[in-house]
mmCIF file of all heavy atoms, coordinates in Angstrom:
data_MODEL
# 
_entry.id   MODEL 
# 
loop_
_atom_site.group_PDB 
_atom_site.id 
_atom_site.type_symbol 
_atom_site.label_atom_id 
_atom_site.label_alt_id 
_atom_site.label_comp_id 
_atom_site.label_asym_id 
_atom_site.label_entity_id 
_atom_site.label_seq_id 
_atom_site.pdbx_PDB_ins_code 
_atom_site.Cartn_x 
_atom_site.Cartn_y 
_atom_site.Cartn_z 
_atom_site.occupancy 
_atom_site.B_iso_or_equiv 
_atom_site.pdbx_formal_charge 
_atom_site.auth_seq_id 
_atom_site.auth_comp_id 
_atom_site.auth_asym_id 
_atom_site.auth_atom_id 
_atom_site.pdbx_PDB_model_num 
ATOM 1   N N   . THR A 1 1  ? 0.824   -1.247  0.016  1.00 0.00 ? 1  THR A N   1 
ATOM 2   C CA  . THR A 1 1  ? -0.083  0.034   0.042  1.00 0.00 ? 1  THR A CA  1 
ATOM 3   C C   . THR A 1 1  ? 0.831   1.295   0.013  1.00 0.00 ? 1  THR A C   1 
ATOM 4   O O   . THR A 1 1  ? 1.578   1.476   0.973  1.00 0.00 ? 1  THR A O   1 
ATOM 5   C CB  . THR A 1 1  ? -0.896  -0.039  1.196  1.00 0.00 ? 1  THR A CB  1 
ATOM 6   O OG1 . THR A 1 1  ? -1.827  -1.102  1.233  1.00 0.00 ? 1  THR A OG1 1 
ATOM 7   C CG2 . THR A 1 1  ? -1.838  1.278   1.184  1.00 0.00 ? 1  THR A CG2 1 
ATOM 8   N N   . ARG A 1 2  ? 0.822   2.106   -1.038 1.00 0.00 ? 2  ARG A N   1 
ATOM 9   C CA  . ARG A 1 2  ? 1.683   3.194   -1.183 1.00 0.00 ? 2  ARG A CA  1 
ATOM 10  C C   . ARG A 1 2  ? 0.833   4.423   -0.978 1.00 0.00 ? 2  ARG A C   1 
ATOM 11  O O   . ARG A 1 2  ? -0.180  4.698   -1.632 1.00 0.00 ? 2  ARG A O   1 
ATOM 12  C CB  . ARG A 1 2  ? 2.201   3.199   -2.765 1.00 0.00 ? 2  ARG A CB  1 
ATOM 13  C CG  . ARG A 1 2  ? 3.081   4.480   -2.817 1.00 0.00 ? 2  ARG A CG  1 
ATOM 14  C CD  . ARG A 1 2  ? 3.793   4.324   -4.266 1.00 0.00 ? 2  ARG A CD  1 
ATOM 15  N NE  . ARG A 1 2  ? 2.796   4.157   -5.317 1.00 0.00 ? 2  ARG A NE  1 
ATOM 16  C CZ  . ARG A 1 2  ? 2.406   5.112   -6.108 1.00 0.00 ? 2  ARG A CZ  1 
ATOM 17  N NH1 . ARG A 1 2  ? 2.647   6.458   -5.716 1.00 0.00 ? 2  ARG A NH1 1 
ATOM 18  N NH2 . ARG A 1 2  ? 1.466   4.988   -7.092 1.00 0.00 ? 2  ARG A NH2 1 
ATOM 19  N N   . ALA A 1 3  ? 1.201   5.202   0.030  1.00 0.00 ? 3  ALA A N   1 
ATOM 20  C CA  . ALA A 1 3  ? 0.582   6.438   0.352  1.00 0.00 ? 3  ALA A CA  1 
ATOM 21  C C   . ALA A 1 3  ? 0.964   7.432   -0.839 1.00 0.00 ? 3  ALA A C   1 
ATOM 22  O O   . ALA A 1 3  ? 2.095   7.645   -1.267 1.00 0.00 ? 3  ALA A O   1 
ATOM 23  C CB  . ALA A 1 3  ? 1.085   7.017   1.605  1.00 0.00 ? 3  ALA A CB  1 
ATOM 24  N N   . THR A 1 4  ? -0.045  8.198   -1.367 1.00 0.00 ? 4  THR A N   1 
ATOM 25  C CA  . THR A 1 4  ? 0.156   9.174   -2.415 1.00 0.00 ? 4  THR A CA  1 
ATOM 26  C C   . THR A 1 4  ? -0.017  10.525  -2.019 1.00 0.00 ? 4  THR A C   1 
ATOM 27  O O   . THR A 1 4  ? 0.327   11.518  -2.670 1.00 0.00 ? 4  THR A O   1 
ATOM 28  C CB  . THR A 1 4  ? -0.709  8.865   -3.647 1.00 0.00 ? 4  THR A CB  1 
ATOM 29  O OG1 . THR A 1 4  ? -2.145  8.784   -3.160 1.00 0.00 ? 4  THR A OG1 1 
ATOM 30  C CG2 . THR A 1 4  ? -0.327  7.474   -4.154 1.00 0.00 ? 4  THR A CG2 1 
ATOM 31  N N   . GLY A 1 5  ? -0.753  10.789  -0.920 1.00 0.00 ? 5  GLY A N   1 
ATOM 32  C CA  . GLY A 1 5  ? -0.905  12.137  -0.455 1.00 0.00 ? 5  GLY A CA  1 
ATOM 33  C C   . GLY A 1 5  ? -1.647  12.270  0.957  1.00 0.00 ? 5  GLY A C   1 
ATOM 34  O O   . GLY A 1 5  ? -2.166  11.207  1.472  1.00 0.00 ? 5  GLY A O   1 
ATOM 35  N N   . LEU A 1 6  ? -1.620  13.331  1.437  1.00 0.00 ? 6  LEU A N   1 
ATOM 36  C CA  . LEU A 1 6  ? -2.279  13.554  2.782  1.00 0.00 ? 6  LEU A CA  1 
ATOM 37  C C   . LEU A 1 6  ? -3.592  14.269  2.524  1.00 0.00 ? 6  LEU A C   1 
ATOM 38  O O   . LEU A 1 6  ? -3.807  15.202  1.782  1.00 0.00 ? 6  LEU A O   1 
ATOM 39  C CB  . LEU A 1 6  ? -1.446  14.445  3.697  1.00 0.00 ? 6  LEU A CB  1 
ATOM 40  C CG  . LEU A 1 6  ? -0.076  13.795  4.120  1.00 0.00 ? 6  LEU A CG  1 
ATOM 41  C CD1 . LEU A 1 6  ? 0.744   14.896  4.724  1.00 0.00 ? 6  LEU A CD1 1 
ATOM 42  C CD2 . LEU A 1 6  ? -0.379  12.667  4.996  1.00 0.00 ? 6  LEU A CD2 1 
ATOM 43  N N   . VAL A 1 7  ? -4.650  13.875  3.279  1.00 0.00 ? 7  VAL A N   1 
ATOM 44  C CA  . VAL A 1 7  ? -5.876  14.484  3.143  1.00 0.00 ? 7  VAL A CA  1 
ATOM 45  C C   . VAL A 1 7  ? -6.061  15.473  4.297  1.00 0.00 ? 7  VAL A C   1 
ATOM 46  O O   . VAL A 1 7  ? -5.775  15.321  5.431  1.00 0.00 ? 7  VAL A O   1 
ATOM 47  C CB  . VAL A 1 7  ? -7.044  13.455  3.462  1.00 0.00 ? 7  VAL A CB  1 
ATOM 48  C CG1 . VAL A 1 7  ? -8.515  14.140  3.220  1.00 0.00 ? 7  VAL A CG1 1 
ATOM 49  C CG2 . VAL A 1 7  ? -6.870  12.440  2.393  1.00 0.00 ? 7  VAL A CG2 1 
ATOM 50  N N   . VAL A 1 8  ? -6.357  16.849  3.844  1.00 0.00 ? 8  VAL A N   1 
ATOM 51  C CA  . VAL A 1 8  ? -6.440  17.872  4.756  1.00 0.00 ? 8  VAL A CA  1 
ATOM 52  C C   . VAL A 1 8  ? -7.759  18.583  4.781  1.00 0.00 ? 8  VAL A C   1 
ATOM 53  O O   . VAL A 1 8  ? -8.407  18.857  3.674  1.00 0.00 ? 8  VAL A O   1 
ATOM 54  C CB  . VAL A 1 8  ? -5.342  19.100  4.450  1.00 0.00 ? 8  VAL A CB  1 
ATOM 55  C CG1 . VAL A 1 8  ? -5.372  20.152  5.396  1.00 0.00 ? 8  VAL A CG1 1 
ATOM 56  C CG2 . VAL A 1 8  ? -3.975  18.430  4.347  1.00 0.00 ? 8  VAL A CG2 1 
ATOM 57  N N   . GLU A 1 9  ? -8.336  18.816  5.883  1.00 0.00 ? 9  GLU A N   1 
ATOM 58  C CA  . GLU A 1 9  ? -9.618  19.502  6.053  1.00 0.00 ? 9  GLU A CA  1 
ATOM 59  C C   . GLU A 1 9  ? -9.517  20.511  7.198  1.00 0.00 ? 9  GLU A C   1 
ATOM 60  O O   . GLU A 1 9  ? -9.222  20.213  8.367  1.00 0.00 ? 9  GLU A O   1 
ATOM 61  C CB  . GLU A 1 9  ? -10.745 18.398  6.462  1.00 0.00 ? 9  GLU A CB  1 
ATOM 62  C CG  . GLU A 1 9  ? -12.092 18.942  6.426  1.00 0.00 ? 9  GLU A CG  1 
ATOM 63  C CD  . GLU A 1 9  ? -13.002 17.915  6.616  1.00 0.00 ? 9  GLU A CD  1 
ATOM 64  O OE1 . GLU A 1 9  ? -13.385 16.975  5.735  1.00 0.00 ? 9  GLU A OE1 1 
ATOM 65  O OE2 . GLU A 1 9  ? -13.585 17.763  7.806  1.00 0.00 ? 9  GLU A OE2 1 
ATOM 66  N N   . ASP A 1 10 ? -9.795  21.826  6.809  1.00 0.00 ? 10 ASP A N   1 
ATOM 67  C CA  . ASP A 1 10 ? -9.785  22.832  7.703  1.00 0.00 ? 10 ASP A CA  1 
ATOM 68  C C   . ASP A 1 10 ? -8.430  23.035  8.379  1.00 0.00 ? 10 ASP A C   1 
ATOM 69  O O   . ASP A 1 10 ? -8.414  23.302  9.599  1.00 0.00 ? 10 ASP A O   1 
ATOM 70  C CB  . ASP A 1 10 ? -10.935 22.789  8.782  1.00 0.00 ? 10 ASP A CB  1 
ATOM 71  C CG  . ASP A 1 10 ? -12.307 22.850  8.225  1.00 0.00 ? 10 ASP A CG  1 
ATOM 72  O OD1 . ASP A 1 10 ? -12.527 23.505  7.233  1.00 0.00 ? 10 ASP A OD1 1 
ATOM 73  O OD2 . ASP A 1 10 ? -13.144 22.213  8.738  1.00 0.00 ? 10 ASP A OD2 1 
ATOM 74  N N   . GLY A 1 11 ? -7.366  22.807  7.642  1.00 0.00 ? 11 GLY A N   1 
ATOM 75  C CA  . GLY A 1 11 ? -6.024  22.913  8.126  1.00 0.00 ? 11 GLY A CA  1 
ATOM 76  C C   . GLY A 1 11 ? -5.479  21.830  8.950  1.00 0.00 ? 11 GLY A C   1 
ATOM 77  O O   . GLY A 1 11 ? -4.339  21.814  9.410  1.00 0.00 ? 11 GLY A O   1 
ATOM 78  N N   . ARG A 1 12 ? -6.294  20.796  9.090  1.00 0.00 ? 12 ARG A N   1 
ATOM 79  C CA  . ARG A 1 12 ? -5.893  19.566  9.808  1.00 0.00 ? 12 ARG A CA  1 
ATOM 80  C C   . ARG A 1 12 ? -5.784  18.286  8.966  1.00 0.00 ? 12 ARG A C   1 
ATOM 81  O O   . ARG A 1 12 ? -6.561  18.067  8.078  1.00 0.00 ? 12 ARG A O   1 
ATOM 82  C CB  . ARG A 1 12 ? -6.899  19.306  10.977 1.00 0.00 ? 12 ARG A CB  1 
ATOM 83  C CG  . ARG A 1 12 ? -6.579  18.122  11.842 1.00 0.00 ? 12 ARG A CG  1 
ATOM 84  C CD  . ARG A 1 12 ? -7.757  17.742  12.884 1.00 0.00 ? 12 ARG A CD  1 
ATOM 85  N NE  . ARG A 1 12 ? -7.298  16.619  13.680 1.00 0.00 ? 12 ARG A NE  1 
ATOM 86  C CZ  . ARG A 1 12 ? -6.603  16.613  14.727 1.00 0.00 ? 12 ARG A CZ  1 
ATOM 87  N NH1 . ARG A 1 12 ? -6.190  17.876  15.077 1.00 0.00 ? 12 ARG A NH1 1 
ATOM 88  N NH2 . ARG A 1 12 ? -6.372  15.584  15.450 1.00 0.00 ? 12 ARG A NH2 1 
ATOM 89  N N   . VAL A 1 13 ? -4.674  17.653  9.155  1.00 0.00 ? 13 VAL A N   1 
ATOM 90  C CA  . VAL A 1 13 ? -4.548  16.294  8.380  1.00 0.00 ? 13 VAL A CA  1 
ATOM 91  C C   . VAL A 1 13 ? -5.571  15.328  9.003  1.00 0.00 ? 13 VAL A C   1 
ATOM 92  O O   . VAL A 1 13 ? -5.457  15.025  10.286 1.00 0.00 ? 13 VAL A O   1 
ATOM 93  C CB  . VAL A 1 13 ? -3.075  15.828  8.535  1.00 0.00 ? 13 VAL A CB  1 
ATOM 94  C CG1 . VAL A 1 13 ? -2.976  14.429  7.944  1.00 0.00 ? 13 VAL A CG1 1 
ATOM 95  C CG2 . VAL A 1 13 ? -2.111  16.845  7.867  1.00 0.00 ? 13 VAL A CG2 1 
ATOM 96  N N   . ILE A 1 14 ? -6.476  14.781  8.115  1.00 0.00 ? 14 ILE A N   1 
ATOM 97  C CA  . ILE A 1 14 ? -7.456  13.809  8.638  1.00 0.00 ? 14 ILE A CA  1 
ATOM 98  C C   . ILE A 1 14 ? -7.334  12.549  8.066  1.00 0.00 ? 14 ILE A C   1 
ATOM 99  O O   . ILE A 1 14 ? -8.241  11.665  8.217  1.00 0.00 ? 14 ILE A O   1 
ATOM 100 C CB  . ILE A 1 14 ? -8.820  14.304  8.341  1.00 0.00 ? 14 ILE A CB  1 
ATOM 101 C CG1 . ILE A 1 14 ? -9.144  14.608  6.898  1.00 0.00 ? 14 ILE A CG1 1 
ATOM 102 C CG2 . ILE A 1 14 ? -9.157  15.709  9.173  1.00 0.00 ? 14 ILE A CG2 1 
ATOM 103 C CD1 . ILE A 1 14 ? -10.599 14.832  6.477  1.00 0.00 ? 14 ILE A CD1 1 
ATOM 104 N N   . GLY A 1 15 ? -6.304  12.350  7.190  1.00 0.00 ? 15 GLY A N   1 
ATOM 105 C CA  . GLY A 1 15 ? -6.219  10.958  6.568  1.00 0.00 ? 15 GLY A CA  1 
ATOM 106 C C   . GLY A 1 15 ? -5.219  10.982  5.512  1.00 0.00 ? 15 GLY A C   1 
ATOM 107 O O   . GLY A 1 15 ? -4.246  11.885  5.306  1.00 0.00 ? 15 GLY A O   1 
ATOM 108 N N   . VAL A 1 16 ? -5.144  9.774   4.758  1.00 0.00 ? 16 VAL A N   1 
ATOM 109 C CA  . VAL A 1 16 ? -4.137  9.500   3.706  1.00 0.00 ? 16 VAL A CA  1 
ATOM 110 C C   . VAL A 1 16 ? -4.867  8.931   2.482  1.00 0.00 ? 16 VAL A C   1 
ATOM 111 O O   . VAL A 1 16 ? -5.770  8.149   2.606  1.00 0.00 ? 16 VAL A O   1 
ATOM 112 C CB  . VAL A 1 16 ? -3.130  8.510   4.302  1.00 0.00 ? 16 VAL A CB  1 
ATOM 113 C CG1 . VAL A 1 16 ? -2.123  7.978   3.111  1.00 0.00 ? 16 VAL A CG1 1 
ATOM 114 C CG2 . VAL A 1 16 ? -2.414  8.966   5.493  1.00 0.00 ? 16 VAL A CG2 1 
ATOM 115 N N   . GLU A 1 17 ? -4.425  9.394   1.322  1.00 0.00 ? 17 GLU A N   1 
ATOM 116 C CA  . GLU A 1 17 ? -4.791  8.819   0.033  1.00 0.00 ? 17 GLU A CA  1 
ATOM 117 C C   . GLU A 1 17 ? -3.667  7.766   -0.309 1.00 0.00 ? 17 GLU A C   1 
ATOM 118 O O   . GLU A 1 17 ? -2.537  8.139   -0.088 1.00 0.00 ? 17 GLU A O   1 
ATOM 119 C CB  . GLU A 1 17 ? -4.868  9.830   -0.968 1.00 0.00 ? 17 GLU A CB  1 
ATOM 120 C CG  . GLU A 1 17 ? -6.120  10.740  -0.846 1.00 0.00 ? 17 GLU A CG  1 
ATOM 121 C CD  . GLU A 1 17 ? -6.340  11.788  -1.902 1.00 0.00 ? 17 GLU A CD  1 
ATOM 122 O OE1 . GLU A 1 17 ? -5.462  12.028  -2.563 1.00 0.00 ? 17 GLU A OE1 1 
ATOM 123 O OE2 . GLU A 1 17 ? -7.537  12.236  -1.911 1.00 0.00 ? 17 GLU A OE2 1 
ATOM 124 N N   . ALA A 1 18 ? -4.102  6.607   -0.793 1.00 0.00 ? 18 ALA A N   1 
ATOM 125 C CA  . ALA A 1 18 ? -3.142  5.538   -1.086 1.00 0.00 ? 18 ALA A CA  1 
ATOM 126 C C   . ALA A 1 18 ? -3.612  4.826   -2.206 1.00 0.00 ? 18 ALA A C   1 
ATOM 127 O O   . ALA A 1 18 ? -4.809  4.772   -2.634 1.00 0.00 ? 18 ALA A O   1 
ATOM 128 C CB  . ALA A 1 18 ? -2.916  4.884   0.113  1.00 0.00 ? 18 ALA A CB  1 
ATOM 129 N N   . VAL A 1 19 ? -2.661  3.962   -2.766 1.00 0.00 ? 19 VAL A N   1 
ATOM 130 C CA  . VAL A 1 19 ? -2.921  2.923   -3.754 1.00 0.00 ? 19 VAL A CA  1 
ATOM 131 C C   . VAL A 1 19 ? -2.593  1.570   -3.022 1.00 0.00 ? 19 VAL A C   1 
ATOM 132 O O   . VAL A 1 19 ? -1.416  1.347   -2.569 1.00 0.00 ? 19 VAL A O   1 
ATOM 133 C CB  . VAL A 1 19 ? -2.213  3.004   -5.064 1.00 0.00 ? 19 VAL A CB  1 
ATOM 134 C CG1 . VAL A 1 19 ? -2.482  1.943   -5.947 1.00 0.00 ? 19 VAL A CG1 1 
ATOM 135 C CG2 . VAL A 1 19 ? -2.587  4.372   -5.735 1.00 0.00 ? 19 VAL A CG2 1 
ATOM 136 N N   . THR A 1 20 ? -3.537  0.640   -3.073 1.00 0.00 ? 20 THR A N   1 
ATOM 137 C CA  . THR A 1 20 ? -3.240  -0.604  -2.303 1.00 0.00 ? 20 THR A CA  1 
ATOM 138 C C   . THR A 1 20 ? -3.499  -1.946  -3.236 1.00 0.00 ? 20 THR A C   1 
ATOM 139 O O   . THR A 1 20 ? -4.386  -1.790  -4.177 1.00 0.00 ? 20 THR A O   1 
ATOM 140 C CB  . THR A 1 20 ? -4.097  -0.772  -1.045 1.00 0.00 ? 20 THR A CB  1 
ATOM 141 O OG1 . THR A 1 20 ? -3.848  -1.943  -0.373 1.00 0.00 ? 20 THR A OG1 1 
ATOM 142 C CG2 . THR A 1 20 ? -5.659  -0.688  -1.497 1.00 0.00 ? 20 THR A CG2 1 
ATOM 143 N N   . LEU A 1 21 ? -2.884  -2.883  -2.935 1.00 0.00 ? 21 LEU A N   1 
ATOM 144 C CA  . LEU A 1 21 ? -2.906  -4.263  -3.602 1.00 0.00 ? 21 LEU A CA  1 
ATOM 145 C C   . LEU A 1 21 ? -3.830  -5.171  -2.762 1.00 0.00 ? 21 LEU A C   1 
ATOM 146 O O   . LEU A 1 21 ? -3.860  -6.380  -2.909 1.00 0.00 ? 21 LEU A O   1 
ATOM 147 C CB  . LEU A 1 21 ? -1.633  -4.889  -3.877 1.00 0.00 ? 21 LEU A CB  1 
ATOM 148 C CG  . LEU A 1 21 ? -0.716  -4.166  -5.037 1.00 0.00 ? 21 LEU A CG  1 
ATOM 149 C CD1 . LEU A 1 21 ? 0.608   -4.862  -5.096 1.00 0.00 ? 21 LEU A CD1 1 
ATOM 150 C CD2 . LEU A 1 21 ? -1.510  -4.130  -6.383 1.00 0.00 ? 21 LEU A CD2 1 
ATOM 151 N N   . ASP A 1 22 ? -4.414  -4.529  -1.630 1.00 0.00 ? 22 ASP A N   1 
ATOM 152 C CA  . ASP A 1 22 ? -5.117  -5.304  -0.619 1.00 0.00 ? 22 ASP A CA  1 
ATOM 153 C C   . ASP A 1 22 ? -6.145  -6.251  -1.293 1.00 0.00 ? 22 ASP A C   1 
ATOM 154 O O   . ASP A 1 22 ? -6.372  -7.424  -0.800 1.00 0.00 ? 22 ASP A O   1 
ATOM 155 C CB  . ASP A 1 22 ? -5.681  -4.407  0.333  1.00 0.00 ? 22 ASP A CB  1 
ATOM 156 C CG  . ASP A 1 22 ? -6.119  -5.153  1.669  1.00 0.00 ? 22 ASP A CG  1 
ATOM 157 O OD1 . ASP A 1 22 ? -5.334  -6.004  2.071  1.00 0.00 ? 22 ASP A OD1 1 
ATOM 158 O OD2 . ASP A 1 22 ? -7.224  -4.969  2.125  1.00 0.00 ? 22 ASP A OD2 1 
ATOM 159 N N   . GLY A 1 23 ? -6.833  -5.781  -2.358 1.00 0.00 ? 23 GLY A N   1 
ATOM 160 C CA  . GLY A 1 23 ? -7.930  -6.540  -2.875 1.00 0.00 ? 23 GLY A CA  1 
ATOM 161 C C   . GLY A 1 23 ? -7.467  -7.245  -4.172 1.00 0.00 ? 23 GLY A C   1 
ATOM 162 O O   . GLY A 1 23 ? -8.374  -7.951  -4.882 1.00 0.00 ? 23 GLY A O   1 
ATOM 163 N N   . ALA A 1 24 ? -6.126  -7.290  -4.447 1.00 0.00 ? 24 ALA A N   1 
ATOM 164 C CA  . ALA A 1 24 ? -5.700  -8.084  -5.686 1.00 0.00 ? 24 ALA A CA  1 
ATOM 165 C C   . ALA A 1 24 ? -5.701  -9.423  -5.436 1.00 0.00 ? 24 ALA A C   1 
ATOM 166 O O   . ALA A 1 24 ? -5.679  -10.017 -4.372 1.00 0.00 ? 24 ALA A O   1 
ATOM 167 C CB  . ALA A 1 24 ? -4.310  -7.566  -6.037 1.00 0.00 ? 24 ALA A CB  1 
# 
């Protein structure tokens, strides 16, 4: 699972965007 970016909402990091092989 490769993280591709951070998710930001109202100036706060609330998560991660990623690409995963978890369902492959």
